[in-house]
PDB file of N, CA and C in Angstrom:
ATOM      1  N   MET A   1     231.906 129.005-195.322  1.00  0.00           N
ATOM      2  CA  MET A   1     231.798 129.395-193.941  1.00  0.00           C
ATOM      3  C   MET A   1     230.356 129.742-193.646  1.00  0.00           C
ATOM      4  N   VAL A   2     229.876 129.328-192.485  1.00  0.00           N
ATOM      5  CA  VAL A   2     228.503 129.580-192.086  1.00  0.00           C
ATOM      6  C   VAL A   2     228.429 130.951-191.435  1.00  0.00           C
ATOM      7  N   SER A   3     227.473 131.732-191.868  1.00  0.00           N
ATOM      8  CA  SER A   3     227.345 133.038-191.222  1.00  0.00           C
ATOM      9  C   SER A   3     226.334 132.920-190.087  1.00  0.00           C
ATOM     10  N   ILE A   4     226.703 133.471-188.935  1.00  0.00           N
ATOM     11  CA  ILE A   4     225.863 133.422-187.744  1.00  0.00           C
ATOM     12  C   ILE A   4     225.439 134.846-187.422  1.00  0.00           C
ATOM     13  N   ALA A   5     224.190 134.961-187.066  1.00  0.00           N
ATOM     14  CA  ALA A   5     223.710 136.286-186.688  1.00  0.00           C
ATOM     15  C   ALA A   5     224.489 136.768-185.469  1.00  0.00           C
ATOM     16  N   ARG A   6     224.756 138.054-185.401  1.00  0.00           N
ATOM     17  CA  ARG A   6     225.572 138.621-184.334  1.00  0.00           C
ATOM     18  C   ARG A   6     224.959 138.391-182.956  1.00  0.00           C
ATOM     19  N   ASP A   7     223.647 138.391-182.846  1.00  0.00           N
ATOM     20  CA  ASP A   7     223.008 138.215-181.557  1.00  0.00           C
ATOM     21  C   ASP A   7     223.031 136.761-181.086  1.00  0.00           C
ATOM     22  N   MET A   8     223.449 135.837-181.935  1.00  0.00           N
ATOM     23  CA  MET A   8     223.519 134.421-181.565  1.00  0.00           C
ATOM     24  C   MET A   8     224.920 134.002-181.114  1.00  0.00           C
ATOM     25  N   MET A   9     225.894 134.900-181.187  1.00  0.00           N
ATOM     26  CA  MET A   9     227.264 134.558-180.832  1.00  0.00           C
ATOM     27  C   MET A   9     227.447 134.605-179.310  1.00  0.00           C
ATOM     28  N   LEU A  10     228.368 133.777-178.819  1.00  0.00           N
ATOM     29  CA  LEU A  10     228.673 133.722-177.397  1.00  0.00           C
ATOM     30  C   LEU A  10     229.941 134.515-177.110  1.00  0.00           C
ATOM     31  N   THR A  11     230.019 135.069-175.927  1.00  0.00           N
ATOM     32  CA  THR A  11     231.262 135.690-175.503  1.00  0.00           C
ATOM     33  C   THR A  11     232.197 134.579-175.055  1.00  0.00           C
ATOM     34  N   VAL A  12     233.437 134.912-174.869  1.00  0.00           N
ATOM     35  CA  VAL A  12     234.420 133.928-174.438  1.00  0.00           C
ATOM     36  C   VAL A  12     234.035 133.364-173.073  1.00  0.00           C
ATOM     37  N   GLU A  13     233.583 134.230-172.168  1.00  0.00           N
ATOM     38  CA  GLU A  13     233.184 133.788-170.832  1.00  0.00           C
ATOM     39  C   GLU A  13     231.991 132.834-170.898  1.00  0.00           C
ATOM     40  N   GLU A  14     231.019 133.154-171.743  1.00  0.00           N
ATOM     41  CA  GLU A  14     229.843 132.286-171.884  1.00  0.00           C
ATOM     42  C   GLU A  14     230.235 130.929-172.471  1.00  0.00           C
ATOM     43  N   TYR A  15     231.135 130.978-173.450  1.00  0.00           N
ATOM     44  CA  TYR A  15     231.587 129.748-174.086  1.00  0.00           C
ATOM     45  C   TYR A  15     232.310 128.856-173.081  1.00  0.00           C
ATOM     46  N   MET A  16     233.221 129.450-172.290  1.00  0.00           N
ATOM     47  CA  MET A  16     233.969 128.675-171.305  1.00  0.00           C
ATOM     48  C   MET A  16     233.050 128.108-170.228  1.00  0.00           C
ATOM     49  N   ALA A  17     232.048 128.867-169.808  1.00  0.00           N
ATOM     50  CA  ALA A  17     231.090 128.388-168.817  1.00  0.00           C
ATOM     51  C   ALA A  17     230.310 127.199-169.375  1.00  0.00           C
ATOM     52  N   LEU A  18     229.932 127.275-170.640  1.00  0.00           N
ATOM     53  CA  LEU A  18     229.205 126.188-171.288  1.00  0.00           C
ATOM     54  C   LEU A  18     230.080 124.941-171.387  1.00  0.00           C
ATOM     55  N   ARG A  19     231.376 125.108-171.731  1.00  0.00           N
ATOM     56  CA  ARG A  19     232.302 123.983-171.810  1.00  0.00           C
ATOM     57  C   ARG A  19     232.478 123.309-170.449  1.00  0.00           C
ATOM     58  N   ARG A  20     232.608 124.131-169.376  1.00  0.00           N
ATOM     59  CA  ARG A  20     232.753 123.567-168.040  1.00  0.00           C
ATOM     60  C   ARG A  20     231.519 122.766-167.648  1.00  0.00           C
ATOM     61  N   LEU A  21     230.345 123.261-168.010  1.00  0.00           N
ATOM     62  CA  LEU A  21     229.098 122.566-167.704  1.00  0.00           C
ATOM     63  C   LEU A  21     229.046 121.218-168.426  1.00  0.00           C
ATOM     64  N   ILE A  22     229.421 121.209-169.686  1.00  0.00           N
ATOM     65  CA  ILE A  22     229.408 119.969-170.473  1.00  0.00           C
ATOM     66  C   ILE A  22     230.427 118.977-169.909  1.00  0.00           C
ATOM     67  N   ASP A  23     231.634 119.459-169.602  1.00  0.00           N
ATOM     68  CA  ASP A  23     232.674 118.579-169.065  1.00  0.00           C
ATOM     69  C   ASP A  23     232.269 117.988-167.720  1.00  0.00           C
ATOM     70  N   SER A  24     231.677 118.791-166.859  1.00  0.00           N
ATOM     71  CA  SER A  24     231.278 118.266-165.552  1.00  0.00           C
ATOM     72  C   SER A  24     230.164 117.238-165.698  1.00  0.00           C
ATOM     73  N   GLU A  25     229.296 117.420-166.647  1.00  0.00           N
ATOM     74  CA  GLU A  25     228.220 116.460-166.897  1.00  0.00           C
ATOM     75  C   GLU A  25     228.802 115.138-167.393  1.00  0.00           C
ATOM     76  N   ARG A  26     229.784 115.223-168.268  1.00  0.00           N
ATOM     77  CA  ARG A  26     230.435 114.009-168.784  1.00  0.00           C
ATOM     78  C   ARG A  26     231.155 113.267-167.675  1.00  0.00           C
ATOM     79  N   GLU A  27     231.830 114.014-166.803  1.00  0.00           N
ATOM     80  CA  GLU A  27     232.554 113.387-165.699  1.00  0.00           C
ATOM     81  C   GLU A  27     231.602 112.650-164.770  1.00  0.00           C
ATOM     82  N   SER A  28     230.463 113.266-164.478  1.00  0.00           N
ATOM     83  CA  SER A  28     229.532 112.607-163.556  1.00  0.00           C
ATOM     84  C   SER A  28     228.923 111.361-164.204  1.00  0.00           C
ATOM     85  N   GLU A  29     228.655 111.430-165.506  1.00  0.00           N
ATOM     86  CA  GLU A  29     228.141 110.243-166.202  1.00  0.00           C
ATOM     87  C   GLU A  29     229.197 109.149-166.215  1.00  0.00           C
ATOM     88  N   GLY A  30     230.450 109.528-166.458  1.00  0.00           N
ATOM     89  CA  GLY A  30     231.534 108.549-166.491  1.00  0.00           C
ATOM     90  C   GLY A  30     231.733 107.886-165.141  1.00  0.00           C
ATOM     91  N   ALA A  31     231.609 108.664-164.090  1.00  0.00           N
ATOM     92  CA  ALA A  31     231.773 108.111-162.751  1.00  0.00           C
ATOM     93  C   ALA A  31     230.663 107.114-162.443  1.00  0.00           C
ATOM     94  N   GLU A  32     229.448 107.436-162.834  1.00  0.00           N
ATOM     95  CA  GLU A  32     228.330 106.526-162.603  1.00  0.00           C
ATOM     96  C   GLU A  32     228.514 105.234-163.389  1.00  0.00           C
ATOM     97  N   LEU A  33     228.982 105.363-164.634  1.00  0.00           N
ATOM     98  CA  LEU A  33     229.208 104.175-165.455  1.00  0.00           C
ATOM     99  C   LEU A  33     230.320 103.318-164.873  1.00  0.00           C
ATOM    100  N   ALA A  34     231.377 103.957-164.400  1.00  0.00           N
ATOM    101  CA  ALA A  34     232.502 103.209-163.841  1.00  0.00           C
ATOM    102  C   ALA A  34     232.073 102.423-162.605  1.00  0.00           C
ATOM    103  N   VAL A  35     231.246 103.020-161.777  1.00  0.00           N
ATOM    104  CA  VAL A  35     230.794 102.338-160.565  1.00  0.00           C
ATOM    105  C   VAL A  35     229.936 101.135-160.928  1.00  0.00           C
ATOM    106  N   THR A  36     229.031 101.292-161.883  1.00  0.00           N
ATOM    107  CA  THR A  36     228.176 100.169-162.256  1.00  0.00           C
ATOM    108  C   THR A  36     228.976  99.069-162.940  1.00  0.00           C
ATOM    109  N   GLN A  37     230.011  99.437-163.707  1.00  0.00           N
ATOM    110  CA  GLN A  37     230.831  98.435-164.370  1.00  0.00           C
ATOM    111  C   GLN A  37     231.665  97.661-163.363  1.00  0.00           C
ATOM    112  N   LEU A  38     232.171  98.337-162.339  1.00  0.00           N
ATOM    113  CA  LEU A  38     232.959  97.646-161.326  1.00  0.00           C
ATOM    114  C   LEU A  38     232.117  96.648-160.552  1.00  0.00           C
ATOM    115  N   ASP A  39     230.872  97.002-160.282  1.00  0.00           N
ATOM    116  CA  ASP A  39     230.009  96.116-159.524  1.00  0.00           C
ATOM    117  C   ASP A  39     229.613  94.883-160.328  1.00  0.00           C
ATOM    118  N   SER A  40     229.535  95.008-161.650  1.00  0.00           N
ATOM    119  CA  SER A  40     229.032  93.912-162.465  1.00  0.00           C
ATOM    120  C   SER A  40     230.105  92.888-162.836  1.00  0.00           C
ATOM    121  N   LYS A  41     231.397  93.222-162.667  1.00  0.00           N
ATOM    122  CA  LYS A  41     232.449  92.289-163.048  1.00  0.00           C
ATOM    123  C   LYS A  41     232.559  91.164-162.029  1.00  0.00           C
ATOM    124  N   PRO A  42     232.570  89.926-162.493  1.00  0.00           N
ATOM    125  CA  PRO A  42     232.745  88.813-161.546  1.00  0.00           C
ATOM    126  C   PRO A  42     234.198  88.728-161.101  1.00  0.00           C
ATOM    127  N   LYS A  43     234.417  88.308-159.869  1.00  0.00           N
ATOM    128  CA  LYS A  43     235.768  88.150-159.329  1.00  0.00           C
ATOM    129  C   LYS A  43     236.398  86.896-159.921  1.00  0.00           C
ATOM    130  N   LYS A  44     237.669  87.010-160.292  1.00  0.00           N
ATOM    131  CA  LYS A  44     238.385  85.842-160.810  1.00  0.00           C
ATOM    132  C   LYS A  44     238.946  85.065-159.635  1.00  0.00           C
ATOM    133  N   ARG A  45     238.759  83.786-159.645  1.00  0.00           N
ATOM    134  CA  ARG A  45     239.260  82.930-158.567  1.00  0.00           C
ATOM    135  C   ARG A  45     240.428  82.121-159.093  1.00  0.00           C
ATOM    136  N   SER A  46     241.416  81.930-158.256  1.00  0.00           N
ATOM    137  CA  SER A  46     242.552  81.115-158.662  1.00  0.00           C
ATOM    138  C   SER A  46     242.192  79.643-158.477  1.00  0.00           C
ATOM    139  N   THR A  47     242.768  78.823-159.332  1.00  0.00           N
ATOM    140  CA  THR A  47     242.496  77.390-159.270  1.00  0.00           C
ATOM    141  C   THR A  47     243.340  76.765-158.166  1.00  0.00           C
ATOM    142  N   ALA A  48     243.041  75.541-157.841  1.00  0.00           N
ATOM    143  CA  ALA A  48     243.799  74.820-156.820  1.00  0.00           C
ATOM    144  C   ALA A  48     245.254  74.673-157.260  1.00  0.00           C
ATOM    145  N   TYR A  49     245.469  74.419-158.541  1.00  0.00           N
ATOM    146  CA  TYR A  49     246.835  74.276-159.056  1.00  0.00           C
ATOM    147  C   TYR A  49     247.605  75.580-158.904  1.00  0.00           C
ATOM    148  N   GLN A  50     246.955  76.714-159.200  1.00  0.00           N
ATOM    149  CA  GLN A  50     247.626  78.011-159.079  1.00  0.00           C
ATOM    150  C   GLN A  50     248.028  78.293-157.633  1.00  0.00           C
ATOM    151  N   ARG A  51     247.166  77.919-156.689  1.00  0.00           N
ATOM    152  CA  ARG A  51     247.479  78.140-155.276  1.00  0.00           C
ATOM    153  C   ARG A  51     248.657  77.262-154.846  1.00  0.00           C
ATOM    154  N   LYS A  52     248.651  75.987-155.287  1.00  0.00           N
ATOM    155  CA  LYS A  52     249.749  75.080-154.945  1.00  0.00           C
ATOM    156  C   LYS A  52     251.060  75.542-155.588  1.00  0.00           C
ATOM    157  N   TYR A  53     250.975  75.996-156.838  1.00  0.00           N
ATOM    158  CA  TYR A  53     252.163  76.472-157.554  1.00  0.00           C
ATOM    159  C   TYR A  53     252.746  77.703-156.853  1.00  0.00           C
ATOM    160  N   LYS A  54     251.896  78.603-156.434  1.00  0.00           N
ATOM    161  CA  LYS A  54     252.348  79.816-155.756  1.00  0.00           C
ATOM    162  C   LYS A  54     253.150  79.472-154.496  1.00  0.00           C
ATOM    163  N   LYS A  55     252.625  78.555-153.732  1.00  0.00           N
ATOM    164  CA  LYS A  55     253.299  78.126-152.496  1.00  0.00           C
ATOM    165  C   LYS A  55     254.635  77.451-152.817  1.00  0.00           C
ATOM    166  N   ALA A  56     254.618  76.556-153.811  1.00  0.00           N
ATOM    167  CA  ALA A  56     255.840  75.835-154.189  1.00  0.00           C
ATOM    168  C   ALA A  56     256.890  76.793-154.749  1.00  0.00           C
ATOM    169  N   PHE A  57     256.457  77.789-155.511  1.00  0.00           N
ATOM    170  CA  PHE A  57     257.410  78.740-156.095  1.00  0.00           C
ATOM    171  C   PHE A  57     258.095  79.560-155.005  1.00  0.00           C
ATOM    172  N   LYS A  58     257.328  79.998-154.015  1.00  0.00           N
ATOM    173  CA  LYS A  58     257.919  80.773-152.919  1.00  0.00           C
ATOM    174  C   LYS A  58     258.976  79.964-152.168  1.00  0.00           C
ATOM    175  N   GLU A  59     258.716  78.684-151.996  1.00  0.00           N
ATOM    176  CA  GLU A  59     259.667  77.820-151.292  1.00  0.00           C
ATOM    177  C   GLU A  59     260.916  77.555-152.134  1.00  0.00           C
ATOM    178  N   THR A  60     260.746  77.284-153.416  1.00  0.00           N
ATOM    179  CA  THR A  60     261.890  76.936-154.263  1.00  0.00           C
ATOM    180  C   THR A  60     262.692  78.158-154.698  1.00  0.00           C
ATOM    181  N   ALA A  61     262.071  79.313-154.734  1.00  0.00           N
ATOM    182  CA  ALA A  61     262.756  80.519-155.210  1.00  0.00           C
ATOM    183  C   ALA A  61     263.954  80.860-154.346  1.00  0.00           C
ATOM    184  N   LYS A  62     263.900  80.546-153.075  1.00  0.00           N
ATOM    185  CA  LYS A  62     264.998  80.854-152.155  1.00  0.00           C
ATOM    186  C   LYS A  62     266.302  80.192-152.601  1.00  0.00           C
ATOM    187  N   ARG A  63     266.195  79.000-153.155  1.00  0.00           N
ATOM    188  CA  ARG A  63     267.384  78.258-153.571  1.00  0.00           C
ATOM    189  C   ARG A  63     268.044  78.864-154.807  1.00  0.00           C
ATOM    190  N   TYR A  64     267.305  79.640-155.569  1.00  0.00           N
ATOM    191  CA  TYR A  64     267.818  80.169-156.835  1.00  0.00           C
ATOM    192  C   TYR A  64     268.103  81.664-156.783  1.00  0.00           C
ATOM    193  N   LYS A  65     268.227  82.219-155.568  1.00  0.00           N
ATOM    194  CA  LYS A  65     268.533  83.633-155.402  1.00  0.00           C
ATOM    195  C   LYS A  65     269.869  83.806-154.692  1.00  0.00           C
ATOM    196  N   LEU A  66     270.487  84.966-154.907  1.00  0.00           N
ATOM    197  CA  LEU A  66     271.721  85.311-154.233  1.00  0.00           C
ATOM    198  C   LEU A  66     271.396  85.884-152.857  1.00  0.00           C
ATOM    199  N   LYS A  67     272.442  86.123-152.055  1.00  0.00           N
ATOM    200  CA  LYS A  67     272.231  86.706-150.726  1.00  0.00           C
ATOM    201  C   LYS A  67     271.573  88.079-150.820  1.00  0.00           C
ATOM    202  N   SER A  68     271.872  88.800-151.886  1.00  0.00           N
ATOM    203  CA  SER A  68     271.325  90.150-152.054  1.00  0.00           C
ATOM    204  C   SER A  68     269.842  90.127-152.440  1.00  0.00           C
ATOM    205  N   GLY A  69     269.337  88.960-152.805  1.00  0.00           N
ATOM    206  CA  GLY A  69     267.937  88.842-153.199  1.00  0.00           C
ATOM    207  C   GLY A  69     267.736  88.830-154.699  1.00  0.00           C
ATOM    208  N   LYS A  70     268.820  89.058-155.450  1.00  0.00           N
ATOM    209  CA  LYS A  70     268.723  89.007-156.916  1.00  0.00           C
ATOM    210  C   LYS A  70     268.728  87.555-157.369  1.00  0.00           C
ATOM    211  N   TRP A  71     268.165  87.336-158.559  1.00  0.00           N
ATOM    212  CA  TRP A  71     268.141  85.987-159.113  1.00  0.00           C
ATOM    213  C   TRP A  71     269.526  85.598-159.590  1.00  0.00           C
ATOM    214  N   LYS A  72     269.883  84.329-159.393  1.00  0.00           N
ATOM    215  CA  LYS A  72     271.106  83.793-159.972  1.00  0.00           C
ATOM    216  C   LYS A  72     270.910  83.728-161.483  1.00  0.00           C
ATOM    217  N   LYS A  73     271.987  83.554-162.221  1.00  0.00           N
ATOM    218  CA  LYS A  73     271.876  83.450-163.673  1.00  0.00           C
ATOM    219  C   LYS A  73     271.062  82.210-164.020  1.00  0.00           C
ATOM    220  N   GLY A  74     269.964  82.394-164.720  1.00  0.00           N
ATOM    221  CA  GLY A  74     269.073  81.293-165.081  1.00  0.00           C
ATOM    222  C   GLY A  74     268.242  80.800-163.906  1.00  0.00           C
ATOM    223  N   GLY A  75     268.299  81.522-162.800  1.00  0.00           N
ATOM    224  CA  GLY A  75     267.624  81.084-161.583  1.00  0.00           C
ATOM    225  C   GLY A  75     266.116  81.131-161.646  1.00  0.00           C
ATOM    226  N   PHE A  76     265.590  82.184-162.257  1.00  0.00           N
ATOM    227  CA  PHE A  76     264.132  82.306-162.322  1.00  0.00           C
ATOM    228  C   PHE A  76     263.535  81.163-163.121  1.00  0.00           C
ATOM    229  N   LYS A  77     264.135  80.885-164.264  1.00  0.00           N
ATOM    230  CA  LYS A  77     263.640  79.797-165.113  1.00  0.00           C
ATOM    231  C   LYS A  77     263.721  78.460-164.376  1.00  0.00           C
ATOM    232  N   ALA A  78     264.806  78.262-163.670  1.00  0.00           N
ATOM    233  CA  ALA A  78     264.985  77.022-162.920  1.00  0.00           C
ATOM    234  C   ALA A  78     263.976  76.924-161.773  1.00  0.00           C
ATOM    235  N   ALA A  79     263.705  78.051-161.126  1.00  0.00           N
ATOM    236  CA  ALA A  79     262.746  78.063-160.013  1.00  0.00           C
ATOM    237  C   ALA A  79     261.345  77.733-160.506  1.00  0.00           C
ATOM    238  N   VAL A  80     260.982  78.272-161.653  1.00  0.00           N
ATOM    239  CA  VAL A  80     259.665  77.995-162.240  1.00  0.00           C
ATOM    240  C   VAL A  80     259.534  76.499-162.543  1.00  0.00           C
ATOM    241  N   LYS A  81     260.591  75.970-163.173  1.00  0.00           N
ATOM    242  CA  LYS A  81     260.576  74.554-163.533  1.00  0.00           C
ATOM    243  C   LYS A  81     260.473  73.669-162.292  1.00  0.00           C
ATOM    244  N   ALA A  82     261.240  74.025-161.262  1.00  0.00           N
ATOM    245  CA  ALA A  82     261.244  73.236-160.018  1.00  0.00           C
ATOM    246  C   ALA A  82     259.896  73.326-159.316  1.00  0.00           C
ATOM    247  N   ALA A  83     259.275  74.494-159.345  1.00  0.00           N
ATOM    248  CA  ALA A  83     257.980  74.663-158.685  1.00  0.00           C
ATOM    249  C   ALA A  83     256.908  73.832-159.388  1.00  0.00           C
ATOM    250  N   HIS A  84     256.917  73.831-160.704  1.00  0.00           N
ATOM    251  CA  HIS A  84     255.958  73.004-161.456  1.00  0.00           C
ATOM    252  C   HIS A  84     256.169  71.530-161.152  1.00  0.00           C
ATOM    253  N   LYS A  85     257.427  71.128-161.079  1.00  0.00           N
ATOM    254  CA  LYS A  85     257.748  69.729-160.798  1.00  0.00           C
ATOM    255  C   LYS A  85     257.274  69.353-159.388  1.00  0.00           C
ATOM    256  N   ALA A  86     257.451  70.256-158.429  1.00  0.00           N
ATOM    257  CA  ALA A  86     257.044  70.000-157.054  1.00  0.00           C
ATOM    258  C   ALA A  86     255.525  69.873-156.943  1.00  0.00           C
ATOM    259  N   VAL A  87     254.786  70.643-157.713  1.00  0.00           N
ATOM    260  CA  VAL A  87     253.328  70.589-157.647  1.00  0.00           C
ATOM    261  C   VAL A  87     252.803  69.295-158.261  1.00  0.00           C
ATOM    262  N   LYS A  88     253.472  68.810-159.296  1.00  0.00           N
ATOM    263  CA  LYS A  88     253.034  67.586-159.967  1.00  0.00           C
ATOM    264  C   LYS A  88     253.160  66.359-159.079  1.00  0.00           C
ATOM    265  N   LYS A  89     254.083  66.383-158.111  1.00  0.00           N
ATOM    266  CA  LYS A  89     254.302  65.215-157.246  1.00  0.00           C
ATOM    267  C   LYS A  89     253.080  64.884-156.445  1.00  0.00           C
TER     268      LYS A  89
END
């Protein structure tokens, strides 16, 4: 165990104040880093095929759903297959 001179010890209040100062400094650094990281990320663009597939899926999905809006048994898989087939045409 390391012995510390009595005059070098912190009170509980001093220790907590020091911890709050360190934590607030870390938070502000983290916020600055997060902002710079968000600005530097390039936006992902969808391909032409993805846009066509999205449209085709929305149209075909109606045929494979129940009145309540739930998927029929095996309906989602069938809708995906039908949408891909529609885009290929």
